[in-house]
N, C-alpha and C. Protein backbone atom coordinates (compact mmCIF):
# COMPACT_ATOMS: atom_id res chain seq x y z
N UNK A 1 -7.09 -7.57 4.32
CA UNK A 1 -6.48 -6.74 5.36
C UNK A 1 -5.56 -7.60 6.21
N UNK A 2 -4.40 -7.12 6.48
CA UNK A 2 -3.42 -7.85 7.27
C UNK A 2 -3.70 -7.65 8.76
N UNK A 3 -3.96 -8.75 9.51
CA UNK A 3 -4.29 -8.60 10.93
C UNK A 3 -3.12 -8.13 11.78
N UNK A 4 -1.90 -8.17 11.26
CA UNK A 4 -0.72 -7.79 12.03
C UNK A 4 -0.18 -6.42 11.64
N UNK A 5 -0.91 -5.71 10.81
CA UNK A 5 -0.40 -4.45 10.25
C UNK A 5 -0.07 -3.41 11.32
N UNK A 6 -0.79 -3.42 12.45
CA UNK A 6 -0.56 -2.40 13.47
C UNK A 6 0.57 -2.75 14.43
N UNK A 7 1.10 -3.96 14.34
CA UNK A 7 2.18 -4.37 15.23
C UNK A 7 3.50 -3.86 14.68
N UNK A 8 4.33 -3.24 15.53
CA UNK A 8 5.54 -2.56 15.05
C UNK A 8 6.56 -3.47 14.37
N UNK A 9 6.77 -4.66 14.85
CA UNK A 9 7.76 -5.54 14.23
C UNK A 9 7.10 -6.82 13.72
N UNK A 10 6.00 -6.65 13.02
CA UNK A 10 5.33 -7.81 12.44
C UNK A 10 6.29 -8.46 11.44
N UNK A 11 6.27 -9.78 11.42
CA UNK A 11 7.17 -10.56 10.58
C UNK A 11 6.36 -11.50 9.71
N UNK A 12 6.75 -11.57 8.45
CA UNK A 12 6.13 -12.49 7.51
C UNK A 12 7.18 -13.49 7.04
N UNK A 13 6.89 -14.78 7.25
CA UNK A 13 7.71 -15.86 6.71
C UNK A 13 6.94 -16.36 5.49
N UNK A 14 7.54 -16.18 4.32
CA UNK A 14 6.85 -16.43 3.06
C UNK A 14 7.56 -17.51 2.25
N UNK A 15 6.92 -18.65 2.13
CA UNK A 15 7.45 -19.72 1.28
C UNK A 15 6.85 -19.58 -0.10
N UNK A 16 7.70 -19.52 -1.11
CA UNK A 16 7.18 -19.39 -2.46
C UNK A 16 7.74 -20.49 -3.35
N UNK A 17 7.00 -20.77 -4.42
CA UNK A 17 7.42 -21.80 -5.35
C UNK A 17 6.23 -22.59 -5.86
N UNK A 18 6.53 -23.47 -6.78
CA UNK A 18 5.50 -24.26 -7.44
C UNK A 18 5.72 -25.73 -7.11
N UNK A 19 4.79 -26.32 -6.39
CA UNK A 19 4.92 -27.71 -5.93
C UNK A 19 4.93 -28.73 -7.06
N UNK A 20 4.50 -28.36 -8.25
CA UNK A 20 4.49 -29.33 -9.35
C UNK A 20 5.64 -29.10 -10.32
N UNK A 21 6.63 -28.33 -9.88
CA UNK A 21 7.83 -28.11 -10.70
C UNK A 21 9.09 -28.52 -9.94
N UNK A 22 9.06 -29.73 -9.41
CA UNK A 22 10.24 -30.29 -8.75
C UNK A 22 10.78 -29.43 -7.64
N UNK A 23 12.05 -29.10 -7.72
CA UNK A 23 12.74 -28.36 -6.66
C UNK A 23 12.21 -26.94 -6.46
N UNK A 24 11.48 -26.42 -7.42
CA UNK A 24 10.91 -25.09 -7.28
C UNK A 24 9.97 -25.02 -6.07
N UNK A 25 9.44 -26.16 -5.64
CA UNK A 25 8.52 -26.19 -4.51
C UNK A 25 9.19 -26.26 -3.15
N UNK A 26 10.51 -26.19 -3.08
CA UNK A 26 11.22 -26.35 -1.81
C UNK A 26 10.78 -25.33 -0.76
N UNK A 27 10.64 -24.07 -1.15
CA UNK A 27 10.25 -23.04 -0.18
C UNK A 27 8.88 -23.28 0.41
N UNK A 28 7.94 -23.70 -0.43
CA UNK A 28 6.59 -24.00 0.03
C UNK A 28 6.62 -25.20 0.98
N UNK A 29 7.40 -26.22 0.63
CA UNK A 29 7.49 -27.41 1.50
C UNK A 29 8.06 -27.05 2.87
N UNK A 30 9.06 -26.18 2.91
CA UNK A 30 9.64 -25.77 4.18
C UNK A 30 8.60 -25.06 5.03
N UNK A 31 7.86 -24.13 4.44
CA UNK A 31 6.84 -23.39 5.18
C UNK A 31 5.73 -24.32 5.65
N UNK A 32 5.34 -25.27 4.84
CA UNK A 32 4.31 -26.23 5.26
C UNK A 32 4.77 -27.03 6.48
N UNK A 33 6.04 -27.42 6.50
CA UNK A 33 6.58 -28.15 7.65
C UNK A 33 6.62 -27.25 8.89
N UNK A 34 7.02 -26.00 8.71
CA UNK A 34 7.04 -25.06 9.82
C UNK A 34 5.63 -24.90 10.41
N UNK A 35 4.62 -24.79 9.56
CA UNK A 35 3.25 -24.64 10.02
C UNK A 35 2.78 -25.87 10.81
N UNK A 36 3.22 -27.04 10.39
CA UNK A 36 2.83 -28.28 11.08
C UNK A 36 3.53 -28.44 12.43
N UNK A 37 4.81 -28.11 12.48
CA UNK A 37 5.64 -28.44 13.64
C UNK A 37 5.71 -27.38 14.73
N UNK A 38 5.47 -26.12 14.38
CA UNK A 38 5.75 -25.03 15.32
C UNK A 38 4.56 -24.10 15.52
N UNK A 39 4.59 -23.42 16.66
CA UNK A 39 3.65 -22.34 16.95
C UNK A 39 4.44 -21.04 16.95
N UNK A 40 3.86 -20.03 16.38
CA UNK A 40 4.52 -18.73 16.25
C UNK A 40 3.74 -17.68 17.03
N UNK A 41 4.44 -16.67 17.54
CA UNK A 41 3.72 -15.61 18.26
C UNK A 41 2.80 -14.85 17.31
N UNK A 42 1.83 -14.12 17.88
CA UNK A 42 0.85 -13.41 17.05
C UNK A 42 1.44 -12.43 16.04
N UNK A 43 2.62 -11.90 16.30
CA UNK A 43 3.22 -10.92 15.39
C UNK A 43 3.93 -11.57 14.21
N UNK A 44 3.85 -12.90 14.12
CA UNK A 44 4.52 -13.64 13.04
C UNK A 44 3.47 -14.41 12.24
N UNK A 45 3.50 -14.20 10.93
CA UNK A 45 2.61 -14.94 10.04
C UNK A 45 3.47 -15.79 9.11
N UNK A 46 3.14 -17.07 9.03
CA UNK A 46 3.86 -18.01 8.18
C UNK A 46 2.91 -18.38 7.05
N UNK A 47 3.30 -18.04 5.80
CA UNK A 47 2.39 -18.13 4.66
C UNK A 47 2.99 -18.97 3.53
N UNK A 48 2.17 -19.85 3.02
CA UNK A 48 2.47 -20.57 1.79
C UNK A 48 2.03 -19.65 0.66
N UNK A 49 2.99 -18.94 0.06
CA UNK A 49 2.67 -17.98 -0.98
C UNK A 49 2.60 -18.59 -2.36
N UNK A 50 2.99 -19.86 -2.49
CA UNK A 50 2.92 -20.54 -3.77
C UNK A 50 3.50 -19.70 -4.89
N UNK A 51 2.68 -19.44 -5.89
CA UNK A 51 3.08 -18.64 -7.05
C UNK A 51 2.23 -17.38 -7.17
N UNK A 52 1.77 -16.85 -6.05
CA UNK A 52 0.81 -15.74 -6.06
C UNK A 52 1.35 -14.40 -6.54
N UNK A 53 2.65 -14.16 -6.44
CA UNK A 53 3.21 -12.91 -6.95
C UNK A 53 2.58 -11.68 -6.35
N UNK A 54 2.09 -10.78 -7.20
CA UNK A 54 1.55 -9.49 -6.75
C UNK A 54 0.30 -9.64 -5.87
N UNK A 55 -0.35 -10.79 -5.92
CA UNK A 55 -1.51 -11.02 -5.06
C UNK A 55 -1.11 -11.03 -3.57
N UNK A 56 0.19 -11.14 -3.30
CA UNK A 56 0.68 -11.15 -1.92
C UNK A 56 0.91 -9.75 -1.36
N UNK A 57 0.73 -8.72 -2.18
CA UNK A 57 1.02 -7.35 -1.76
C UNK A 57 0.33 -6.98 -0.43
N UNK A 58 -0.95 -7.31 -0.22
CA UNK A 58 -1.57 -6.95 1.05
C UNK A 58 -0.87 -7.57 2.26
N UNK A 59 -0.23 -8.69 2.08
CA UNK A 59 0.49 -9.35 3.18
C UNK A 59 1.70 -8.54 3.63
N UNK A 60 2.23 -7.66 2.77
CA UNK A 60 3.41 -6.87 3.12
C UNK A 60 3.07 -5.58 3.86
N UNK A 61 1.80 -5.21 3.89
CA UNK A 61 1.40 -3.98 4.58
C UNK A 61 1.66 -4.12 6.07
N UNK A 62 2.46 -3.21 6.60
CA UNK A 62 2.75 -3.21 8.03
C UNK A 62 3.79 -4.22 8.48
N UNK A 63 4.40 -4.91 7.55
CA UNK A 63 5.41 -5.91 7.89
C UNK A 63 6.76 -5.22 8.07
N UNK A 64 7.39 -5.45 9.20
CA UNK A 64 8.72 -4.87 9.44
C UNK A 64 9.83 -5.76 8.92
N UNK A 65 9.56 -7.09 8.95
CA UNK A 65 10.58 -8.05 8.53
C UNK A 65 9.96 -9.12 7.64
N UNK A 66 10.67 -9.42 6.56
CA UNK A 66 10.22 -10.42 5.60
C UNK A 66 11.29 -11.49 5.48
N UNK A 67 10.88 -12.73 5.67
CA UNK A 67 11.78 -13.87 5.50
C UNK A 67 11.20 -14.73 4.38
N UNK A 68 11.89 -14.74 3.24
CA UNK A 68 11.45 -15.49 2.07
C UNK A 68 12.19 -16.82 2.04
N UNK A 69 11.46 -17.89 1.75
CA UNK A 69 12.05 -19.22 1.62
C UNK A 69 11.75 -19.68 0.20
N UNK A 70 12.83 -20.00 -0.56
CA UNK A 70 12.63 -20.24 -1.98
C UNK A 70 13.81 -20.99 -2.59
N UNK A 71 13.57 -21.60 -3.74
CA UNK A 71 14.65 -22.11 -4.59
C UNK A 71 15.19 -20.90 -5.35
N UNK A 72 16.50 -20.78 -5.41
CA UNK A 72 17.09 -19.60 -6.06
C UNK A 72 18.31 -20.03 -6.88
N UNK A 73 18.40 -19.49 -8.07
CA UNK A 73 19.52 -19.81 -8.98
C UNK A 73 20.76 -19.04 -8.54
N UNK A 74 21.75 -19.79 -8.07
CA UNK A 74 23.00 -19.17 -7.62
C UNK A 74 24.17 -19.55 -8.50
N UNK A 75 23.94 -20.53 -9.39
CA UNK A 75 25.04 -21.04 -10.20
C UNK A 75 25.86 -22.06 -9.44
N UNK A 76 25.46 -22.34 -8.21
CA UNK A 76 26.18 -23.30 -7.38
C UNK A 76 25.75 -24.73 -7.62
N UNK A 77 26.31 -25.60 -6.82
CA UNK A 77 25.99 -27.03 -6.88
C UNK A 77 24.56 -27.24 -6.37
N UNK A 78 23.77 -28.10 -7.02
CA UNK A 78 22.41 -28.36 -6.54
C UNK A 78 22.41 -28.75 -5.05
N UNK A 79 21.48 -28.16 -4.31
CA UNK A 79 21.38 -28.42 -2.89
C UNK A 79 22.16 -27.43 -2.04
N UNK A 80 22.91 -26.53 -2.67
CA UNK A 80 23.66 -25.53 -1.92
C UNK A 80 22.70 -24.55 -1.27
N UNK A 81 22.88 -24.34 0.03
CA UNK A 81 22.03 -23.40 0.76
C UNK A 81 22.61 -22.00 0.66
N UNK A 82 21.73 -21.02 0.66
CA UNK A 82 22.15 -19.64 0.53
C UNK A 82 21.32 -18.76 1.47
N UNK A 83 21.98 -17.72 1.97
CA UNK A 83 21.29 -16.69 2.76
C UNK A 83 21.60 -15.36 2.11
N UNK A 84 20.56 -14.65 1.75
CA UNK A 84 20.72 -13.32 1.17
C UNK A 84 19.94 -12.35 2.03
N UNK A 85 20.44 -11.13 2.13
CA UNK A 85 19.77 -10.14 2.97
C UNK A 85 19.71 -8.79 2.28
N UNK A 86 18.70 -8.01 2.65
CA UNK A 86 18.56 -6.64 2.19
C UNK A 86 18.56 -6.50 0.68
N UNK A 87 19.47 -5.67 0.19
CA UNK A 87 19.53 -5.37 -1.24
C UNK A 87 19.99 -6.55 -2.09
N UNK A 88 20.53 -7.60 -1.45
CA UNK A 88 20.95 -8.78 -2.21
C UNK A 88 19.74 -9.51 -2.81
N UNK A 89 18.56 -9.37 -2.18
CA UNK A 89 17.39 -10.10 -2.66
C UNK A 89 16.99 -9.73 -4.08
N UNK A 90 16.73 -8.44 -4.36
CA UNK A 90 16.34 -8.11 -5.74
C UNK A 90 17.41 -8.48 -6.77
N UNK A 91 18.67 -8.38 -6.38
CA UNK A 91 19.76 -8.74 -7.29
C UNK A 91 19.71 -10.23 -7.59
N UNK A 92 19.48 -11.05 -6.56
CA UNK A 92 19.41 -12.51 -6.74
C UNK A 92 18.24 -12.89 -7.63
N UNK A 93 17.18 -12.10 -7.62
CA UNK A 93 16.00 -12.44 -8.40
C UNK A 93 16.12 -12.03 -9.86
N UNK A 94 17.25 -11.44 -10.24
CA UNK A 94 17.48 -11.09 -11.65
C UNK A 94 17.53 -12.35 -12.51
N UNK A 95 18.15 -13.41 -11.97
CA UNK A 95 18.21 -14.68 -12.68
C UNK A 95 17.10 -15.55 -12.12
N UNK A 96 16.01 -15.63 -12.84
CA UNK A 96 14.87 -16.33 -12.27
C UNK A 96 14.94 -17.83 -12.53
N UNK A 97 14.53 -18.58 -11.52
CA UNK A 97 14.45 -20.03 -11.63
C UNK A 97 13.13 -20.38 -12.31
N UNK A 98 12.08 -19.67 -11.96
CA UNK A 98 10.76 -19.96 -12.50
C UNK A 98 9.95 -18.67 -12.57
N UNK A 99 8.81 -18.70 -13.23
CA UNK A 99 8.01 -17.48 -13.38
C UNK A 99 7.61 -16.79 -12.08
N UNK A 100 7.45 -17.55 -10.97
CA UNK A 100 7.03 -16.90 -9.73
C UNK A 100 8.07 -15.92 -9.23
N UNK A 101 9.35 -16.11 -9.57
CA UNK A 101 10.36 -15.20 -9.06
C UNK A 101 10.22 -13.82 -9.69
N UNK A 102 9.78 -13.75 -10.91
CA UNK A 102 9.51 -12.44 -11.49
C UNK A 102 8.40 -11.78 -10.68
N UNK A 103 7.42 -12.57 -10.26
CA UNK A 103 6.36 -12.05 -9.42
C UNK A 103 6.88 -11.55 -8.09
N UNK A 104 7.84 -12.24 -7.50
CA UNK A 104 8.41 -11.81 -6.23
C UNK A 104 9.20 -10.52 -6.41
N UNK A 105 9.97 -10.45 -7.49
CA UNK A 105 10.74 -9.23 -7.76
C UNK A 105 9.77 -8.05 -7.94
N UNK A 106 8.71 -8.26 -8.71
CA UNK A 106 7.70 -7.22 -8.90
C UNK A 106 7.01 -6.86 -7.58
N UNK A 107 6.71 -7.88 -6.79
CA UNK A 107 6.06 -7.66 -5.50
C UNK A 107 6.90 -6.74 -4.62
N UNK A 108 8.19 -7.02 -4.53
CA UNK A 108 9.06 -6.19 -3.69
C UNK A 108 9.19 -4.78 -4.25
N UNK A 109 9.23 -4.65 -5.56
CA UNK A 109 9.33 -3.32 -6.19
C UNK A 109 8.07 -2.50 -5.93
N UNK A 110 6.90 -3.11 -6.12
CA UNK A 110 5.64 -2.39 -5.90
C UNK A 110 5.47 -2.05 -4.42
N UNK A 111 5.85 -2.98 -3.54
CA UNK A 111 5.76 -2.71 -2.10
C UNK A 111 6.61 -1.49 -1.73
N UNK A 112 7.79 -1.41 -2.33
CA UNK A 112 8.65 -0.25 -2.05
C UNK A 112 8.01 1.03 -2.57
N UNK A 113 7.48 1.00 -3.77
CA UNK A 113 6.83 2.19 -4.34
C UNK A 113 5.65 2.64 -3.49
N UNK A 114 4.93 1.69 -2.89
CA UNK A 114 3.75 2.02 -2.09
C UNK A 114 4.11 2.33 -0.63
N UNK A 115 5.40 2.26 -0.31
CA UNK A 115 5.82 2.54 1.05
C UNK A 115 5.61 1.38 2.00
N UNK A 116 5.44 0.16 1.47
CA UNK A 116 5.21 -1.02 2.30
C UNK A 116 6.41 -1.96 2.35
N UNK A 117 7.54 -1.51 1.87
CA UNK A 117 8.71 -2.41 1.85
C UNK A 117 9.14 -2.71 3.29
N UNK A 118 9.34 -3.98 3.60
CA UNK A 118 9.82 -4.33 4.94
C UNK A 118 11.18 -3.70 5.21
N UNK A 119 11.41 -3.34 6.47
CA UNK A 119 12.70 -2.73 6.84
C UNK A 119 13.83 -3.75 6.74
N UNK A 120 13.52 -5.01 7.05
CA UNK A 120 14.52 -6.07 6.96
C UNK A 120 14.00 -7.18 6.08
N UNK A 121 14.87 -7.68 5.20
CA UNK A 121 14.50 -8.79 4.32
C UNK A 121 15.63 -9.80 4.28
N UNK A 122 15.26 -11.07 4.41
CA UNK A 122 16.21 -12.16 4.32
C UNK A 122 15.60 -13.24 3.45
N UNK A 123 16.44 -13.85 2.64
CA UNK A 123 16.01 -15.00 1.84
C UNK A 123 16.82 -16.21 2.29
N UNK A 124 16.12 -17.27 2.66
CA UNK A 124 16.73 -18.55 2.93
C UNK A 124 16.44 -19.38 1.69
N UNK A 125 17.49 -19.69 0.94
CA UNK A 125 17.27 -20.33 -0.34
C UNK A 125 18.11 -21.57 -0.55
N UNK A 126 17.80 -22.23 -1.66
CA UNK A 126 18.52 -23.43 -2.04
C UNK A 126 18.65 -23.47 -3.56
N UNK A 127 19.80 -23.92 -4.01
CA UNK A 127 20.04 -24.09 -5.45
C UNK A 127 19.30 -25.34 -5.91
N UNK A 128 18.36 -25.19 -6.85
CA UNK A 128 17.63 -26.37 -7.34
C UNK A 128 18.49 -27.22 -8.26
N UNK A 129 18.14 -28.49 -8.34
CA UNK A 129 18.77 -29.39 -9.31
C UNK A 129 17.88 -29.48 -10.54
N UNK A 130 16.55 -29.51 -10.31
CA UNK A 130 15.62 -29.67 -11.41
C UNK A 130 14.32 -28.92 -11.14
N UNK A 131 13.85 -28.19 -12.14
CA UNK A 131 12.55 -27.53 -12.03
C UNK A 131 11.63 -28.03 -13.14
N UNK A 132 11.82 -29.28 -13.49
CA UNK A 132 10.95 -29.93 -14.49
C UNK A 132 9.62 -30.28 -13.82
N UNK A 133 8.59 -30.49 -14.63
CA UNK A 133 7.29 -30.88 -14.11
C UNK A 133 7.42 -32.16 -13.30
N UNK A 134 6.80 -32.16 -12.15
CA UNK A 134 6.81 -33.31 -11.26
C UNK A 134 6.71 -32.83 -9.82
N UNK A 135 6.14 -33.66 -8.97
CA UNK A 135 5.92 -33.23 -7.59
C UNK A 135 6.97 -33.74 -6.61
N UNK A 136 8.03 -34.33 -7.10
CA UNK A 136 9.10 -34.83 -6.24
C UNK A 136 10.29 -33.87 -6.25
N UNK A 137 10.91 -33.73 -5.08
CA UNK A 137 12.15 -32.96 -5.00
C UNK A 137 13.30 -33.86 -5.43
N UNK A 138 14.34 -33.25 -5.98
CA UNK A 138 15.55 -34.02 -6.29
C UNK A 138 16.18 -34.44 -4.97
N UNK A 139 17.00 -35.45 -5.02
CA UNK A 139 17.69 -35.92 -3.81
C UNK A 139 18.54 -34.81 -3.21
N UNK A 140 19.25 -34.04 -4.06
CA UNK A 140 20.12 -32.96 -3.59
C UNK A 140 19.37 -31.94 -2.75
N UNK A 141 18.14 -31.65 -3.13
CA UNK A 141 17.35 -30.65 -2.41
C UNK A 141 16.62 -31.29 -1.23
N UNK A 142 16.07 -32.47 -1.42
CA UNK A 142 15.32 -33.14 -0.35
C UNK A 142 16.15 -33.33 0.91
N UNK A 143 17.43 -33.68 0.75
CA UNK A 143 18.28 -33.92 1.92
C UNK A 143 18.62 -32.63 2.66
N UNK A 144 18.33 -31.49 2.08
CA UNK A 144 18.65 -30.19 2.70
C UNK A 144 17.44 -29.53 3.36
N UNK A 145 16.24 -30.11 3.21
CA UNK A 145 15.05 -29.45 3.75
C UNK A 145 15.15 -29.21 5.25
N UNK A 146 15.65 -30.17 6.02
CA UNK A 146 15.77 -29.97 7.47
C UNK A 146 16.72 -28.83 7.79
N UNK A 147 17.80 -28.71 7.02
CA UNK A 147 18.73 -27.59 7.23
C UNK A 147 18.06 -26.27 6.87
N UNK A 148 17.23 -26.27 5.83
CA UNK A 148 16.51 -25.04 5.48
C UNK A 148 15.58 -24.63 6.62
N UNK A 149 14.87 -25.61 7.18
CA UNK A 149 13.99 -25.33 8.32
C UNK A 149 14.81 -24.75 9.46
N UNK A 150 15.94 -25.37 9.77
CA UNK A 150 16.82 -24.88 10.83
C UNK A 150 17.30 -23.47 10.54
N UNK A 151 17.61 -23.18 9.28
CA UNK A 151 18.07 -21.83 8.91
C UNK A 151 16.97 -20.79 9.12
N UNK A 152 15.73 -21.16 8.80
CA UNK A 152 14.61 -20.25 9.04
C UNK A 152 14.48 -19.98 10.54
N UNK A 153 14.54 -21.04 11.34
CA UNK A 153 14.43 -20.88 12.79
C UNK A 153 15.57 -20.04 13.35
N UNK A 154 16.76 -20.18 12.79
CA UNK A 154 17.90 -19.37 13.21
C UNK A 154 17.66 -17.89 12.92
N UNK A 155 17.14 -17.60 11.73
CA UNK A 155 16.84 -16.21 11.38
C UNK A 155 15.80 -15.62 12.32
N UNK A 156 14.76 -16.39 12.63
CA UNK A 156 13.72 -15.91 13.53
C UNK A 156 14.29 -15.68 14.93
N UNK A 157 15.20 -16.54 15.35
CA UNK A 157 15.85 -16.38 16.65
C UNK A 157 16.68 -15.09 16.67
N UNK A 158 17.36 -14.78 15.58
CA UNK A 158 18.13 -13.52 15.49
C UNK A 158 17.22 -12.31 15.67
N UNK A 159 15.96 -12.47 15.26
CA UNK A 159 14.99 -11.39 15.40
C UNK A 159 14.25 -11.46 16.73
N UNK A 160 14.74 -12.30 17.65
CA UNK A 160 14.13 -12.48 18.98
C UNK A 160 12.68 -12.95 18.90
N UNK A 161 12.41 -13.82 17.96
CA UNK A 161 11.07 -14.39 17.82
C UNK A 161 11.07 -15.77 18.48
N UNK A 162 10.18 -15.93 19.44
CA UNK A 162 10.09 -17.15 20.23
C UNK A 162 9.20 -18.15 19.50
N UNK A 163 9.81 -19.17 18.93
CA UNK A 163 9.09 -20.21 18.21
C UNK A 163 9.03 -21.44 19.11
N UNK A 164 7.84 -22.04 19.21
CA UNK A 164 7.67 -23.21 20.08
C UNK A 164 7.15 -24.40 19.28
N UNK A 165 7.48 -25.58 19.76
CA UNK A 165 6.98 -26.79 19.12
C UNK A 165 5.46 -26.83 19.26
N UNK A 166 4.80 -27.34 18.24
CA UNK A 166 3.33 -27.43 18.25
C UNK A 166 2.88 -28.53 19.19
């Protein structure tokens, strides 16, 4: 059961990816840093979604805004940051970087069918250089993690969410 389901503008910040597949773990790493460094108001939940896919469906119940942080295939140069919003998200997930993205696409589709689709959705993403087995990020992606964190904080600020240092 989602503890924030009754709050009108509950927000979920969801980092997804696989930490043992190189750059695929970028979204999870960003969320882990956010959890360490910042305090969020009660209406905001920051979740390391890993590769859970449809198991995350209960987290979307009652969520008004969803902010996904992930590695995403854009065809761009490795390390390129991207912001996608609304209907751009499912389209971006057509070209999957890794198996978890199919889970995310399915998650959003099922949430919509069940009437739990967030009213606002934003993806803060990065073009991976490598999704080979290994727990290290490529240099191209590693140097962008602080900018990804800043981009997440910017999105939350646009939603008038007061984030404080821990």
